[in-house]
Amino acid sequence: MKRAVPFALACVMLVVLFSQMSKADAYYYSDTKSHWAAEYINNVTNVIYKSKNATQFYPYSSVSRGDFVVMLAFFRGADSEIYARMGTSVFQDVPANTILCGAVNWAKAKGVTSGVSATQFAPDAKLTREQICTFIYEACRKFSFPLAYRHAAITFTDDANISSWAKQAVKVLTQAGII
């Protein structure tokens, strides 16, 4: 079984990699006040993401592929491109004329994703470790964002379950100390 990525971890990865934000002082959610990722969660919500529930964030819930691509696009400063690309979706399962459509179209155009097939993106599917690694790895490559190799390569206990298309991304992000 592929490991799903918790929302809190996705927020941390985006803020650490792509943000120049200062520390967030206000804690908006009752379920993150003492959470280890509270600062990062607040930074993400300050910029782009507002929880569906005004008092809770649900940091241990899984993040979807669609939500992560929207967060990634906004963190890369693609706001105007997202809105310009909101028309027809490049994938059949992404609704047209939505922020999700704009972000997914942006990610496809930039080479950050190719979907789960030529016609499907699976926006509501739980984001897996190999998928988040691939999205971040491709974003770093496409936007010339260097990843410093700080650690030796490791082999995960579930290495045999990591898809061949994700092995390089998982290895690089592990060596960079991101996962």
Protein backbone atom coordinates (compact mmCIF):
# COMPACT_ATOMS: atom_id res chain seq x y z
CA MET A 1 0.00 0.00 0.00
CA LYS A 2 1.28 3.46 -0.86
CA ARG A 3 1.71 5.80 2.09
CA ALA A 4 -0.58 8.84 2.17
CA VAL A 5 0.92 12.21 3.06
CA PRO A 6 -0.65 14.09 5.99
CA PHE A 7 -1.74 17.68 5.36
CA ALA A 8 0.66 19.01 8.01
CA LEU A 9 3.66 17.40 6.34
CA ALA A 10 2.68 18.75 2.91
CA CYS A 11 2.50 22.26 4.39
CA VAL A 12 5.91 21.91 6.03
CA MET A 13 7.52 20.72 2.80
CA LEU A 14 6.15 23.66 0.80
CA VAL A 15 7.09 26.32 3.33
CA VAL A 16 10.58 24.96 3.92
CA LEU A 17 11.34 24.66 0.22
CA PHE A 18 9.68 27.58 -1.47
CA SER A 19 8.75 30.24 1.04
CA GLN A 20 10.44 33.42 2.13
CA MET A 21 7.76 33.96 4.77
CA SER A 22 8.40 35.14 8.26
CA LYS A 23 7.23 33.18 11.26
CA ALA A 24 3.48 33.16 11.69
CA ASP A 25 2.46 34.55 15.05
CA ALA A 26 -1.26 33.84 15.08
CA TYR A 27 -2.57 30.33 15.50
CA TYR A 28 -5.91 30.03 13.79
CA TYR A 29 -6.89 26.45 14.46
CA SER A 30 -7.71 24.81 17.78
CA ASP A 31 -6.19 21.51 16.64
CA THR A 32 -2.79 22.98 15.69
CA LYS A 33 -1.93 25.29 18.61
CA SER A 34 0.53 22.76 20.07
CA HIS A 35 1.19 20.84 16.85
CA TRP A 36 4.83 20.53 15.79
CA ALA A 37 3.97 22.06 12.38
CA ALA A 38 1.74 24.90 13.65
CA GLU A 39 4.01 27.65 12.32
CA TYR A 40 4.12 26.09 8.86
CA ILE A 41 0.40 25.39 8.77
CA ASN A 42 -0.32 29.01 9.62
CA ASN A 43 2.09 30.24 6.94
CA VAL A 44 0.34 28.12 4.32
CA THR A 45 -3.13 29.21 5.38
CA ASN A 46 -2.04 32.85 5.43
CA VAL A 47 -1.07 32.59 1.78
CA ILE A 48 -3.46 30.28 0.04
CA TYR A 49 -5.30 27.59 1.87
CA LYS A 50 -8.27 28.08 4.13
CA SER A 51 -9.56 25.01 5.92
CA LYS A 52 -13.13 24.00 5.25
CA ASN A 53 -13.78 24.40 8.96
CA ALA A 54 -12.90 27.78 10.43
CA THR A 55 -11.76 26.39 13.82
CA GLN A 56 -9.92 23.22 12.82
CA PHE A 57 -7.31 22.33 10.22
CA TYR A 58 -7.17 18.53 10.57
CA PRO A 59 -3.37 18.25 10.26
CA TYR A 60 -3.40 14.44 10.25
CA SER A 61 -5.93 14.13 7.45
CA SER A 62 -4.63 13.12 4.05
CA VAL A 63 -4.00 15.77 1.42
CA SER A 64 -5.36 15.18 -2.07
CA ARG A 65 -3.36 15.43 -5.27
CA GLY A 66 -5.49 18.38 -6.33
CA ASP A 67 -5.04 20.31 -3.06
CA PHE A 68 -1.27 19.85 -3.19
CA VAL A 69 -0.97 21.05 -6.78
CA VAL A 70 -3.03 24.14 -5.91
CA MET A 71 -0.75 24.85 -2.93
CA LEU A 72 2.37 24.26 -5.02
CA ALA A 73 1.18 26.57 -7.79
CA PHE A 74 0.42 29.40 -5.39
CA PHE A 75 3.74 28.92 -3.60
CA ARG A 76 5.51 29.23 -6.94
CA GLY A 77 3.78 32.58 -7.44
CA ALA A 78 1.65 31.36 -10.32
CA ASP A 79 -1.48 33.27 -9.23
CA SER A 80 -2.05 35.09 -12.52
CA GLU A 81 -1.24 32.01 -14.56
CA ILE A 82 -3.69 29.94 -12.53
CA TYR A 83 -6.50 32.36 -13.23
CA ALA A 84 -5.57 32.59 -16.91
CA ARG A 85 -5.63 28.78 -17.26
CA MET A 86 -9.02 28.19 -15.61
CA GLY A 87 -10.93 27.51 -18.85
CA THR A 88 -10.93 24.00 -20.24
CA SER A 89 -9.04 21.35 -18.28
CA VAL A 90 -6.27 19.30 -19.86
CA PHE A 91 -7.60 16.31 -17.88
CA GLN A 92 -11.09 14.87 -18.13
CA ASP A 93 -11.52 14.45 -14.37
CA VAL A 94 -10.67 18.05 -13.42
CA PRO A 95 -13.65 20.43 -13.51
CA ALA A 96 -13.28 23.39 -15.87
CA ASN A 97 -13.39 27.01 -14.73
CA THR A 98 -12.08 26.31 -11.22
CA ILE A 99 -8.92 27.17 -9.28
CA LEU A 100 -8.11 23.46 -9.38
CA CYS A 101 -8.36 23.49 -13.18
CA GLY A 102 -6.04 26.50 -13.43
CA ALA A 103 -3.47 24.99 -11.06
CA VAL A 104 -3.49 21.57 -12.72
CA ASN A 105 -3.25 23.13 -16.18
CA TRP A 106 -0.34 25.25 -14.92
CA ALA A 107 1.41 22.17 -13.45
CA LYS A 108 0.94 20.21 -16.68
CA ALA A 109 2.18 23.11 -18.83
CA LYS A 110 5.26 23.56 -16.62
CA GLY A 111 6.10 19.84 -16.63
CA VAL A 112 5.44 19.35 -12.92
CA THR A 113 2.85 16.63 -13.61
CA SER A 114 1.70 14.45 -16.45
CA GLY A 115 -1.31 13.09 -14.56
CA VAL A 116 -2.01 9.49 -13.69
CA SER A 117 -2.72 8.91 -17.39
CA ALA A 118 -2.92 11.00 -20.54
CA THR A 119 -6.53 11.94 -19.73
CA GLN A 120 -6.80 11.62 -15.92
CA PHE A 121 -5.25 13.54 -13.01
CA ALA A 122 -7.12 11.96 -10.05
CA PRO A 123 -7.47 15.25 -8.13
CA ASP A 124 -9.37 13.70 -5.21
CA ALA A 125 -7.00 10.78 -4.70
CA LYS A 126 -4.86 10.80 -1.55
CA LEU A 127 -1.39 12.18 -2.25
CA THR A 128 1.25 9.51 -1.68
CA ARG A 129 4.86 9.89 -0.62
CA GLU A 130 6.12 9.01 -4.09
CA GLN A 131 3.74 11.52 -5.69
CA ILE A 132 4.68 14.41 -3.39
CA CYS A 133 8.35 13.62 -4.01
CA THR A 134 7.77 13.63 -7.75
CA PHE A 135 5.78 16.90 -7.72
CA ILE A 136 8.46 18.64 -5.63
CA TYR A 137 11.37 17.11 -7.57
CA GLU A 138 9.90 18.17 -10.91
CA ALA A 139 9.05 21.66 -9.61
CA CYS A 140 12.62 22.09 -8.39
CA ARG A 141 14.01 20.92 -11.73
CA LYS A 142 11.66 23.00 -13.88
CA PHE A 143 12.20 26.18 -11.86
CA SER A 144 15.97 25.73 -11.41
CA PHE A 145 15.64 25.43 -7.65
CA PRO A 146 18.78 23.59 -6.50
CA LEU A 147 18.53 20.81 -3.96
CA ALA A 148 21.64 20.38 -1.83
CA TYR A 149 22.70 16.80 -1.19
CA ARG A 150 23.22 16.68 2.57
CA HIS A 151 22.72 12.99 3.28
CA ALA A 152 23.74 9.65 1.87
CA ALA A 153 21.13 7.76 -0.07
CA ILE A 154 19.05 5.39 2.04
CA THR A 155 16.86 2.46 1.19
CA PHE A 156 13.38 2.57 2.70
CA THR A 157 11.96 -0.64 4.13
CA ASP A 158 9.20 -0.41 1.52
CA ASP A 159 11.59 0.45 -1.32
CA ALA A 160 10.23 -2.39 -3.46
CA ASN A 161 6.82 -0.70 -3.36
CA ILE A 162 8.09 2.65 -4.70
CA SER A 163 7.13 2.95 -8.36
CA SER A 164 9.97 3.08 -10.88
CA TRP A 165 8.87 6.55 -12.08
CA ALA A 166 9.29 7.92 -8.52
CA LYS A 167 12.56 6.27 -7.44
CA GLN A 168 14.82 9.14 -8.58
CA ALA A 169 12.62 11.78 -6.96
CA VAL A 170 12.45 9.87 -3.66
CA LYS A 171 16.23 9.35 -3.71
CA VAL A 172 17.03 13.02 -4.43
CA LEU A 173 14.60 14.39 -1.84
CA THR A 174 15.96 11.93 0.73
CA GLN A 175 19.53 13.01 0.03
CA ALA A 176 18.42 16.66 0.27
CA GLY A 177 16.97 15.96 3.71
CA ILE A 178 13.41 16.79 2.71
CA ILE A 179 12.07 13.32 3.46
